[in-house]
Amino acid sequence: MNTNKIGKYILLFSVPVFIITVLLMLFSEIVHELIGTPVILFSYLISCISLALVYYHSIPLKRKKAIKTMTIISISVFVIGWTFKFMHWPGAAICILTSCILFSFGCLPLIIKSRYETRKTLLTKAIVLLSLADLISVLCILMGLLFKVLHWPGGNYLTIIGSVLLVITFIFWNLSFRKEVKLRLVAEEQLKETLNEVKEKQREITDSINYAKRIQEAILPSFDFIKSHVPNSFIYYRPKDIVAGDFYWAEKVGDKFFIAAADCTGHGVPGALVSVVCYNALNRTIKEFKQTETGKILDKTRDLVLETFEKSTSDVKDGMDISLLCIDSKNKKIEWSGANNPLWYIQDKEFKEIKADKQPIGKSDYPKPFTTHQLEYKENTTLYLFTDGFADQFGGPNGKKFKYKQFSDLLLKNNNLSQIQQSDLINKAFSDWKGELEQVDDVCVIGINI
């Protein structure tokens, strides 16, 4: 059971006792003479203590309000009591007594608790001892003043003891504060040094990643190279981080022009490392192994990727999804193969889709040869290769995914525009949908009009 509940239960007992006793004293002289004053003082004392218990473990803001309220009440009653005493009016002793009890047993424990919480991170044992000494010294001074008002013996001694103890605690508080300040300064210096080290490490890491970005950009085919073979085209490439797991690839072999949008496992630095392996495998398949059929290109690329990762002692299941297109403008032929990523194309204002093989370029349970699809070569056909980053982006008014249906509607709606305009509208749609949310994955979209 916590102190809050204990305090409430005590209040339920002490407050009625206090009120009933006061009422009985007003109407019965026997009660006043026999038990009135002791019972009232005891019940009032218990009520003040229970108030302290109620707010002792409250949140700091609530406790602060309780301290402020009880302090104002006790000071007000204390001033009224001394005013009554100066004017020789009855009730002065009662006012001074009640204000002292309220402040000593209701308010002061809360003040000590708040002080301890704000400074408990440093010098914890010293804070506890000094707080207790403060409590005792204030109680001695208040009780000494009270004894003097009531003409009880020992008032001067209590006041002197409390004052001396208060001065001693003040000196130790000052020493404690100086030591605390010194420790805080040392801690701040250590924190600054740590932050500087972290910033330096972060700068070194960022510089390394930026250099890796330049290497990755150097590996990717240039826009000029792609434009020279498919003039009416665009590439919308938006990495999530500095380096990306998504990449685009292009190569010319004889009359055939190959272009692909690939999505490697992960993003950032891990994805970029996998992309280098997959990019190199595609190049080797075309140049070293002389494969020119899209399905066989993906088959051989998978073999090379698996061969690279099989050298590791750990079970590496990384790989890539890809949409690979081959355009033979001279012989009017189009071939396409895909690993998990489909091909969309718009022909005669009709949206069409060729589904990909449901297997990655990498390790899978039941690998099979990739399918080579033949497409009708027809002028004014627009083909779209893409990864899943655009459709999977969260955003919009409800923070949901963009999804493939909305993505295909966007492409179909703007198909009649130039490739540059389409790229700009895709960028705008993505940015508007994402808004202030974080980009969840790399994005790569390629559009080609023949």
Protein backbone atom coordinates (compact mmCIF):
# COMPACT_ATOMS: atom_id res chain seq x y z
CA MET A 1 0.00 0.00 0.00
CA ASN A 2 1.48 3.38 -0.96
CA THR A 3 1.69 6.50 1.17
CA ASN A 4 -1.06 8.20 -0.83
CA LYS A 5 -3.64 5.61 0.21
CA ILE A 6 -2.35 5.52 3.81
CA GLY A 7 -2.67 9.31 4.04
CA LYS A 8 -6.22 9.24 2.66
CA TYR A 9 -7.29 6.55 5.15
CA ILE A 10 -5.81 8.54 8.06
CA LEU A 11 -7.56 11.69 6.82
CA LEU A 12 -10.88 9.83 6.79
CA PHE A 13 -10.33 9.14 10.50
CA SER A 14 -8.61 12.27 11.81
CA VAL A 15 -10.68 14.99 10.09
CA PRO A 16 -14.08 13.74 11.43
CA VAL A 17 -12.54 13.38 14.91
CA PHE A 18 -11.24 16.95 14.71
CA ILE A 19 -14.59 18.38 13.52
CA ILE A 20 -16.69 16.40 16.02
CA THR A 21 -14.44 17.40 18.92
CA VAL A 22 -14.64 21.10 17.97
CA LEU A 23 -18.44 20.89 17.79
CA LEU A 24 -18.67 19.10 21.14
CA MET A 25 -16.42 21.70 22.78
CA LEU A 26 -18.73 24.45 21.59
CA PHE A 27 -21.74 22.86 23.24
CA SER A 28 -20.30 20.93 26.17
CA GLU A 29 -18.06 22.34 28.90
CA ILE A 30 -17.34 18.82 30.22
CA VAL A 31 -15.81 17.76 26.89
CA HIS A 32 -13.86 21.03 26.79
CA GLU A 33 -12.38 20.46 30.23
CA LEU A 34 -11.66 16.72 29.98
CA ILE A 35 -10.52 15.81 26.43
CA GLY A 36 -11.15 18.81 24.18
CA THR A 37 -7.76 20.47 23.68
CA PRO A 38 -5.56 17.28 23.59
CA VAL A 39 -7.91 15.53 21.14
CA ILE A 40 -8.11 18.58 18.86
CA LEU A 41 -4.33 19.03 18.82
CA PHE A 42 -3.70 15.31 18.25
CA SER A 43 -6.30 14.96 15.46
CA TYR A 44 -5.03 18.15 13.81
CA LEU A 45 -1.43 16.92 14.01
CA ILE A 46 -2.43 13.57 12.48
CA SER A 47 -4.37 15.39 9.72
CA CYS A 48 -1.29 17.47 8.80
CA ILE A 49 0.90 14.37 8.70
CA SER A 50 -1.65 12.53 6.55
CA LEU A 51 -1.73 15.49 4.13
CA ALA A 52 2.03 15.15 3.75
CA LEU A 53 1.62 11.42 3.11
CA VAL A 54 -1.04 12.05 0.44
CA TYR A 55 1.25 14.30 -1.60
CA TYR A 56 4.60 12.72 -0.68
CA HIS A 57 4.83 10.45 -3.76
CA SER A 58 2.71 12.61 -6.07
CA ILE A 59 4.08 14.01 -9.32
CA PRO A 60 6.36 17.04 -8.76
CA LEU A 61 3.84 19.54 -10.18
CA LYS A 62 1.04 18.34 -7.91
CA ARG A 63 3.35 18.29 -4.89
CA LYS A 64 4.55 21.81 -5.72
CA LYS A 65 0.96 23.08 -5.72
CA ALA A 66 0.32 21.40 -2.35
CA ILE A 67 3.47 23.01 -0.87
CA LYS A 68 2.44 26.42 -2.18
CA THR A 69 -1.11 26.11 -0.80
CA MET A 70 -0.05 24.88 2.66
CA THR A 71 2.70 27.49 2.91
CA ILE A 72 0.31 30.33 2.12
CA ILE A 73 -2.25 29.02 4.65
CA SER A 74 0.30 28.48 7.44
CA ILE A 75 1.96 31.89 6.93
CA SER A 76 -1.43 33.62 6.82
CA VAL A 77 -2.61 31.94 10.02
CA PHE A 78 0.77 32.62 11.67
CA VAL A 79 0.51 36.36 10.83
CA ILE A 80 -3.09 36.43 12.09
CA GLY A 81 -2.00 34.78 15.36
CA TRP A 82 0.74 37.34 16.02
CA THR A 83 -1.67 40.14 15.11
CA PHE A 84 -4.15 38.79 17.67
CA LYS A 85 -1.36 38.57 20.26
CA PHE A 86 -0.24 42.15 19.55
CA MET A 87 -3.86 43.38 19.85
CA HIS A 88 -4.39 41.21 22.97
CA TRP A 89 -7.29 39.40 21.34
CA PRO A 90 -8.19 35.84 22.29
CA GLY A 91 -7.16 32.96 19.98
CA ALA A 92 -3.61 34.12 19.26
CA ALA A 93 -1.99 30.99 20.70
CA ILE A 94 -4.31 28.67 18.78
CA CYS A 95 -3.58 30.43 15.45
CA ILE A 96 0.19 30.34 16.00
CA LEU A 97 0.04 26.70 17.14
CA THR A 98 -2.03 25.50 14.15
CA SER A 99 0.16 27.36 11.64
CA CYS A 100 3.35 25.90 13.14
CA ILE A 101 1.96 22.36 13.11
CA LEU A 102 0.68 22.68 9.52
CA PHE A 103 4.01 23.99 8.23
CA SER A 104 6.17 21.62 10.30
CA PHE A 105 4.30 18.36 9.74
CA GLY A 106 2.37 19.02 6.54
CA CYS A 107 4.48 21.31 4.35
CA LEU A 108 8.10 20.81 5.46
CA PRO A 109 8.30 17.05 4.65
CA LEU A 110 7.12 17.82 1.11
CA ILE A 111 9.75 20.57 0.75
CA ILE A 112 12.44 18.13 1.88
CA LYS A 113 11.15 15.50 -0.57
CA SER A 114 11.20 17.95 -3.49
CA ARG A 115 14.69 19.16 -2.59
CA TYR A 116 15.93 15.59 -2.39
CA GLU A 117 14.45 14.63 -5.77
CA THR A 118 15.98 17.62 -7.58
CA ARG A 119 19.46 16.85 -6.22
CA LYS A 120 19.46 13.11 -5.62
CA THR A 121 21.76 12.40 -8.59
CA LEU A 122 24.75 13.76 -6.66
CA LEU A 123 25.76 13.51 -2.97
CA THR A 124 22.74 11.39 -2.06
CA LYS A 125 23.73 10.50 1.52
CA ALA A 126 24.75 14.05 2.34
CA ILE A 127 21.47 15.38 0.98
CA VAL A 128 19.48 13.01 3.21
CA LEU A 129 21.40 13.97 6.35
CA LEU A 130 21.25 17.70 5.63
CA SER A 131 17.54 17.49 4.85
CA LEU A 132 16.86 15.75 8.16
CA ALA A 133 18.99 18.35 9.97
CA ASP A 134 16.98 21.13 8.29
CA LEU A 135 13.74 19.50 9.36
CA ILE A 136 14.90 19.17 12.99
CA SER A 137 16.26 22.74 13.13
CA VAL A 138 13.05 24.29 11.75
CA LEU A 139 10.93 22.18 14.10
CA CYS A 140 13.06 23.29 17.07
CA ILE A 141 12.70 26.98 16.14
CA LEU A 142 8.95 26.69 15.57
CA MET A 143 8.40 24.73 18.78
CA GLY A 144 10.60 27.18 20.71
CA LEU A 145 8.51 30.14 19.50
CA LEU A 146 5.36 28.22 20.30
CA PHE A 147 6.56 27.40 23.83
CA LYS A 148 7.38 31.07 24.42
CA VAL A 149 3.92 32.16 23.22
CA LEU A 150 2.25 29.62 25.50
CA HIS A 151 4.66 30.47 28.36
CA TRP A 152 5.91 26.90 28.58
CA PRO A 153 9.47 26.27 29.89
CA GLY A 154 12.28 25.46 27.49
CA GLY A 155 11.23 27.79 24.69
CA ASN A 156 14.52 29.73 24.65
CA TYR A 157 16.60 26.57 24.60
CA LEU A 158 14.65 25.10 21.69
CA THR A 159 14.96 28.34 19.70
CA ILE A 160 18.74 28.57 20.33
CA ILE A 161 19.33 24.89 19.45
CA GLY A 162 17.27 25.22 16.27
CA SER A 163 19.03 28.42 15.21
CA VAL A 164 22.52 26.99 15.78
CA LEU A 165 21.61 23.80 13.94
CA LEU A 166 20.15 25.85 11.07
CA VAL A 167 23.38 27.86 10.74
CA ILE A 168 25.45 24.66 10.73
CA THR A 169 23.25 23.06 8.08
CA PHE A 170 23.43 26.26 6.01
CA ILE A 171 27.24 26.06 6.05
CA PHE A 172 27.18 22.41 5.03
CA TRP A 173 24.56 23.11 2.34
CA ASN A 174 26.90 25.74 0.92
CA LEU A 175 29.84 23.32 0.93
CA SER A 176 27.64 20.61 -0.57
CA PHE A 177 26.42 23.00 -3.26
CA ARG A 178 29.99 23.96 -4.18
CA LYS A 179 31.01 20.34 -4.40
CA GLU A 180 27.95 19.57 -6.48
CA VAL A 181 28.73 22.46 -8.84
CA LYS A 182 32.29 21.19 -9.20
CA LEU A 183 31.07 17.67 -9.94
CA ARG A 184 28.55 19.00 -12.46
CA LEU A 185 31.28 21.01 -14.19
CA VAL A 186 33.45 17.90 -14.41
CA ALA A 187 30.49 15.89 -15.71
CA GLU A 188 29.72 18.58 -18.30
CA GLU A 189 33.32 18.59 -19.49
CA GLN A 190 33.29 14.82 -19.79
CA LEU A 191 30.00 15.00 -21.67
CA LYS A 192 31.42 17.62 -24.06
CA GLU A 193 34.46 15.45 -24.70
CA THR A 194 32.24 12.42 -25.35
CA LEU A 195 29.99 14.43 -27.68
CA ASN A 196 33.01 15.73 -29.57
CA GLU A 197 34.31 12.17 -29.96
CA VAL A 198 30.91 11.00 -31.18
CA LYS A 199 30.68 13.92 -33.65
CA GLU A 200 34.17 13.15 -34.94
CA LYS A 201 33.32 9.46 -35.38
CA GLN A 202 30.03 10.42 -37.06
CA ARG A 203 31.87 12.78 -39.40
CA GLU A 204 34.37 10.06 -40.32
CA ILE A 205 31.58 7.55 -40.94
CA THR A 206 29.56 10.08 -42.98
CA ASP A 207 32.65 10.96 -45.05
CA SER A 208 33.24 7.28 -45.72
CA ILE A 209 29.62 6.75 -46.77
CA ASN A 210 29.72 9.84 -48.99
CA TYR A 211 32.84 8.45 -50.65
CA ALA A 212 31.02 5.13 -51.09
CA LYS A 213 28.18 7.10 -52.71
CA ARG A 214 30.58 8.57 -55.26
CA ILE A 215 31.83 5.07 -56.04
CA GLN A 216 28.27 3.76 -56.40
CA GLU A 217 27.33 6.67 -58.68
CA ALA A 218 30.42 5.98 -60.79
CA ILE A 219 29.32 2.35 -61.24
CA LEU A 220 25.79 3.27 -62.35
CA PRO A 221 25.31 3.95 -66.07
CA SER A 222 25.14 7.63 -66.99
CA PHE A 223 21.88 9.25 -68.08
CA ASP A 224 23.60 10.29 -71.32
CA PHE A 225 24.40 6.66 -72.13
CA ILE A 226 20.80 5.61 -71.51
CA LYS A 227 19.39 8.61 -73.43
CA SER A 228 21.58 7.80 -76.43
CA HIS A 229 19.80 4.44 -76.82
CA VAL A 230 16.29 5.26 -75.51
CA PRO A 231 15.85 9.02 -75.97
CA ASN A 232 12.26 9.12 -74.70
CA SER A 233 12.94 7.86 -71.21
CA PHE A 234 13.30 8.94 -67.59
CA ILE A 235 14.80 7.52 -64.42
CA TYR A 236 13.39 8.54 -61.04
CA TYR A 237 15.98 7.42 -58.49
CA ARG A 238 15.59 8.37 -54.83
CA PRO A 239 17.72 6.51 -52.27
CA LYS A 240 16.46 6.37 -48.70
CA ASP A 241 19.95 6.95 -47.31
CA ILE A 242 23.20 8.29 -48.74
CA VAL A 243 23.88 5.00 -50.51
CA ALA A 244 21.19 2.65 -51.75
CA GLY A 245 20.24 -0.99 -52.21
CA ASP A 246 18.20 -0.10 -55.31
CA PHE A 247 20.06 0.53 -58.54
CA TYR A 248 19.46 0.83 -62.27
CA TRP A 249 21.59 -1.01 -64.83
CA ALA A 250 22.02 -0.67 -68.58
CA GLU A 251 24.21 -2.30 -71.21
CA LYS A 252 24.40 -2.43 -75.00
CA VAL A 253 25.29 -5.70 -76.76
CA GLY A 254 25.10 -5.62 -80.54
CA ASP A 255 21.63 -4.44 -81.53
CA LYS A 256 20.20 -5.20 -78.10
CA PHE A 257 19.88 -2.62 -75.34
CA PHE A 258 19.38 -3.98 -71.83
CA ILE A 259 18.01 -1.91 -68.95
CA ALA A 260 16.89 -2.95 -65.48
CA ALA A 261 15.55 -1.65 -62.17
CA ALA A 262 16.86 -3.75 -59.28
CA ASP A 263 16.08 -3.87 -55.56
CA CYS A 264 18.70 -5.56 -53.37
CA THR A 265 18.09 -6.80 -49.85
CA GLY A 266 18.11 -3.90 -47.38
CA HIS A 267 19.01 -0.27 -47.92
CA GLY A 268 21.81 2.04 -46.88
CA VAL A 269 25.30 0.55 -46.54
CA PRO A 270 24.22 -3.15 -46.33
CA GLY A 271 22.00 -2.77 -49.40
CA ALA A 272 24.74 -0.95 -51.28
CA LEU A 273 27.21 -3.79 -50.61
CA VAL A 274 24.72 -6.35 -51.95
CA SER A 275 24.03 -4.10 -54.96
CA VAL A 276 27.74 -4.17 -55.91
CA VAL A 277 27.67 -7.98 -55.91
CA CYS A 278 24.48 -8.10 -58.02
CA TYR A 279 25.63 -5.34 -60.40
CA ASN A 280 28.90 -7.16 -61.01
CA ALA A 281 27.01 -10.43 -61.60
CA LEU A 282 24.86 -8.79 -64.29
CA ASN A 283 27.92 -7.37 -66.04
CA ARG A 284 29.73 -10.72 -65.96
CA THR A 285 26.67 -12.52 -67.32
CA ILE A 286 26.50 -10.19 -70.34
CA LYS A 287 30.20 -9.66 -71.06
CA GLU A 288 31.92 -12.81 -69.81
CA PHE A 289 29.25 -15.48 -70.34
CA LYS A 290 27.69 -13.81 -73.43
CA GLN A 291 24.08 -14.31 -72.36
CA THR A 292 21.60 -12.16 -74.32
CA GLU A 293 18.22 -13.72 -73.46
CA THR A 294 16.64 -12.01 -70.45
CA GLY A 295 15.55 -15.21 -68.71
CA LYS A 296 18.96 -16.85 -69.09
CA ILE A 297 20.62 -13.62 -67.95
CA LEU A 298 18.71 -13.81 -64.69
CA ASP A 299 19.48 -17.53 -64.33
CA LYS A 300 23.22 -16.95 -64.70
CA THR A 301 23.13 -13.84 -62.50
CA ARG A 302 21.50 -15.90 -59.75
CA ASP A 303 24.22 -18.56 -60.07
CA LEU A 304 26.96 -15.92 -59.77
CA VAL A 305 25.33 -14.24 -56.75
CA LEU A 306 24.91 -17.59 -54.98
CA GLU A 307 28.48 -18.51 -55.83
CA THR A 308 29.71 -15.26 -54.25
CA PHE A 309 27.72 -15.73 -51.02
CA GLU A 310 28.50 -19.45 -50.74
CA LYS A 311 32.09 -18.53 -49.87
CA SER A 312 30.80 -17.25 -46.52
CA THR A 313 30.64 -19.61 -43.54
CA SER A 314 27.30 -18.07 -42.48
CA ASP A 315 23.98 -18.69 -44.20
CA VAL A 316 23.56 -15.59 -46.41
CA LYS A 317 20.10 -15.23 -47.97
CA ASP A 318 20.61 -11.80 -49.50
CA GLY A 319 19.88 -11.14 -53.15
CA MET A 320 17.74 -8.91 -55.32
CA ASP A 321 14.42 -8.48 -57.08
CA ILE A 322 14.73 -7.18 -60.61
CA SER A 323 12.81 -6.14 -63.70
CA LEU A 324 14.99 -6.66 -66.79
CA LEU A 325 14.05 -5.34 -70.23
CA CYS A 326 15.72 -5.89 -73.60
CA ILE A 327 14.90 -3.65 -76.58
CA ASP A 328 16.07 -4.54 -80.07
CA SER A 329 15.05 -1.48 -82.10
CA LYS A 330 16.63 -2.75 -85.31
CA ASN A 331 14.78 -6.08 -85.34
CA LYS A 332 11.68 -4.66 -83.60
CA LYS A 333 11.77 -7.05 -80.65
CA ILE A 334 11.19 -6.63 -76.93
CA GLU A 335 12.02 -9.23 -74.27
CA TRP A 336 11.44 -9.04 -70.55
CA SER A 337 12.05 -11.15 -67.45
CA GLY A 338 11.42 -10.37 -63.81
CA ALA A 339 12.27 -11.65 -60.36
CA ASN A 340 9.37 -10.66 -58.06
CA ASN A 341 9.01 -7.24 -59.76
CA PRO A 342 6.49 -7.05 -62.66
CA LEU A 343 6.53 -5.09 -65.90
CA TRP A 344 3.86 -2.49 -66.58
CA TYR A 345 3.30 -1.05 -70.00
CA ILE A 346 0.69 1.12 -71.68
CA GLN A 347 -0.16 0.30 -75.28
CA ASP A 348 -3.01 1.89 -77.26
CA LYS A 349 -4.04 3.72 -74.05
CA GLU A 350 -4.56 0.35 -72.35
CA PHE A 351 -2.73 -0.58 -69.15
CA LYS A 352 -1.12 -4.03 -69.23
CA GLU A 353 0.95 -6.06 -66.78
CA ILE A 354 3.30 -9.02 -67.07
CA LYS A 355 3.78 -10.76 -63.77
CA ALA A 356 7.25 -11.71 -62.60
CA ASP A 357 8.49 -15.10 -61.50
CA LYS A 358 7.94 -15.37 -57.75
CA GLN A 359 11.56 -15.98 -56.85
CA PRO A 360 14.52 -13.70 -56.13
CA ILE A 361 17.99 -13.49 -57.58
CA GLY A 362 19.45 -15.32 -54.63
CA LYS A 363 18.75 -18.28 -52.40
CA SER A 364 15.24 -19.75 -52.57
CA ASP A 365 13.59 -23.04 -51.60
CA TYR A 366 12.45 -24.14 -55.06
CA PRO A 367 14.48 -22.32 -57.74
CA LYS A 368 13.37 -22.64 -61.36
CA PRO A 369 14.48 -21.08 -64.65
CA PHE A 370 13.29 -17.54 -65.21
CA THR A 371 10.71 -16.98 -67.93
CA THR A 372 11.53 -14.88 -71.00
CA HIS A 373 8.46 -12.93 -72.16
CA GLN A 374 8.14 -11.64 -75.75
CA LEU A 375 6.28 -8.34 -76.24
CA GLU A 376 4.85 -6.84 -79.37
CA TYR A 377 7.08 -4.02 -80.57
CA LYS A 378 4.64 -1.21 -81.23
CA GLU A 379 5.47 2.47 -81.43
CA ASN A 380 4.19 4.86 -78.76
CA THR A 381 4.27 2.09 -76.18
CA THR A 382 5.46 3.16 -72.72
CA LEU A 383 7.14 0.58 -70.50
CA TYR A 384 7.73 0.98 -66.75
CA LEU A 385 10.33 -0.81 -64.65
CA PHE A 386 10.29 -0.18 -60.92
CA THR A 387 11.10 -1.43 -57.43
CA ASP A 388 8.67 -1.65 -54.51
CA GLY A 389 9.81 1.53 -52.70
CA PHE A 390 7.24 3.85 -54.29
CA ALA A 391 4.16 1.71 -53.60
CA ASP A 392 5.31 0.84 -50.05
CA GLN A 393 5.78 4.46 -48.95
CA PHE A 394 3.60 5.48 -46.00
CA GLY A 395 1.87 8.85 -46.08
CA GLY A 396 -1.29 10.61 -47.13
CA PRO A 397 -3.98 11.83 -44.72
CA ASN A 398 -4.15 8.49 -42.85
CA GLY A 399 -0.47 7.47 -42.94
CA LYS A 400 -1.11 4.43 -45.17
CA LYS A 401 0.87 2.88 -48.02
CA PHE A 402 0.66 4.42 -51.49
CA LYS A 403 -0.01 0.92 -52.95
CA TYR A 404 0.32 -0.39 -56.50
CA LYS A 405 -3.22 0.47 -57.62
CA GLN A 406 -2.73 4.16 -56.94
CA PHE A 407 0.74 3.98 -58.51
CA SER A 408 -0.59 2.43 -61.73
CA ASP A 409 -3.41 5.00 -61.89
CA LEU A 410 -0.82 7.76 -61.59
CA LEU A 411 1.22 6.36 -64.50
CA LEU A 412 -1.84 5.79 -66.69
CA LYS A 413 -3.21 9.27 -66.03
CA ASN A 414 0.03 11.00 -67.05
CA ASN A 415 1.09 8.63 -69.84
CA ASN A 416 0.40 11.18 -72.58
CA LEU A 417 2.91 13.66 -71.09
CA SER A 418 6.59 13.83 -71.95
CA GLN A 419 9.02 11.64 -70.03
CA ILE A 420 10.47 14.65 -68.18
CA GLN A 421 7.00 15.81 -67.13
CA GLN A 422 6.14 12.29 -65.96
CA SER A 423 9.30 12.17 -63.86
CA ASP A 424 8.47 15.54 -62.27
CA LEU A 425 4.89 14.46 -61.50
CA ILE A 426 6.10 11.16 -59.99
CA ASN A 427 8.52 13.08 -57.78
CA LYS A 428 5.77 15.51 -56.72
CA ALA A 429 3.30 12.70 -56.01
CA PHE A 430 5.85 10.85 -53.89
CA SER A 431 6.88 13.97 -51.92
CA ASP A 432 3.27 15.05 -51.35
CA TRP A 433 2.27 11.58 -50.19
CA LYS A 434 5.28 11.15 -47.89
CA GLY A 435 4.89 14.60 -46.34
CA GLU A 436 6.83 14.81 -43.08
CA LEU A 437 7.06 11.04 -42.67
CA GLU A 438 10.32 9.15 -43.08
CA GLN A 439 11.07 7.52 -46.41
CA VAL A 440 10.76 3.78 -45.81
CA ASP A 441 12.79 2.38 -48.72
CA ASP A 442 14.84 3.24 -51.80
CA VAL A 443 12.81 4.19 -54.86
CA CYS A 444 13.65 3.49 -58.51
CA VAL A 445 11.23 4.01 -61.42
CA ILE A 446 12.22 3.83 -65.09
CA GLY A 447 9.94 4.92 -67.92
CA ILE A 448 10.67 4.22 -71.62
CA ASN A 449 8.60 5.25 -74.62
CA ILE A 450 9.33 3.55 -77.95
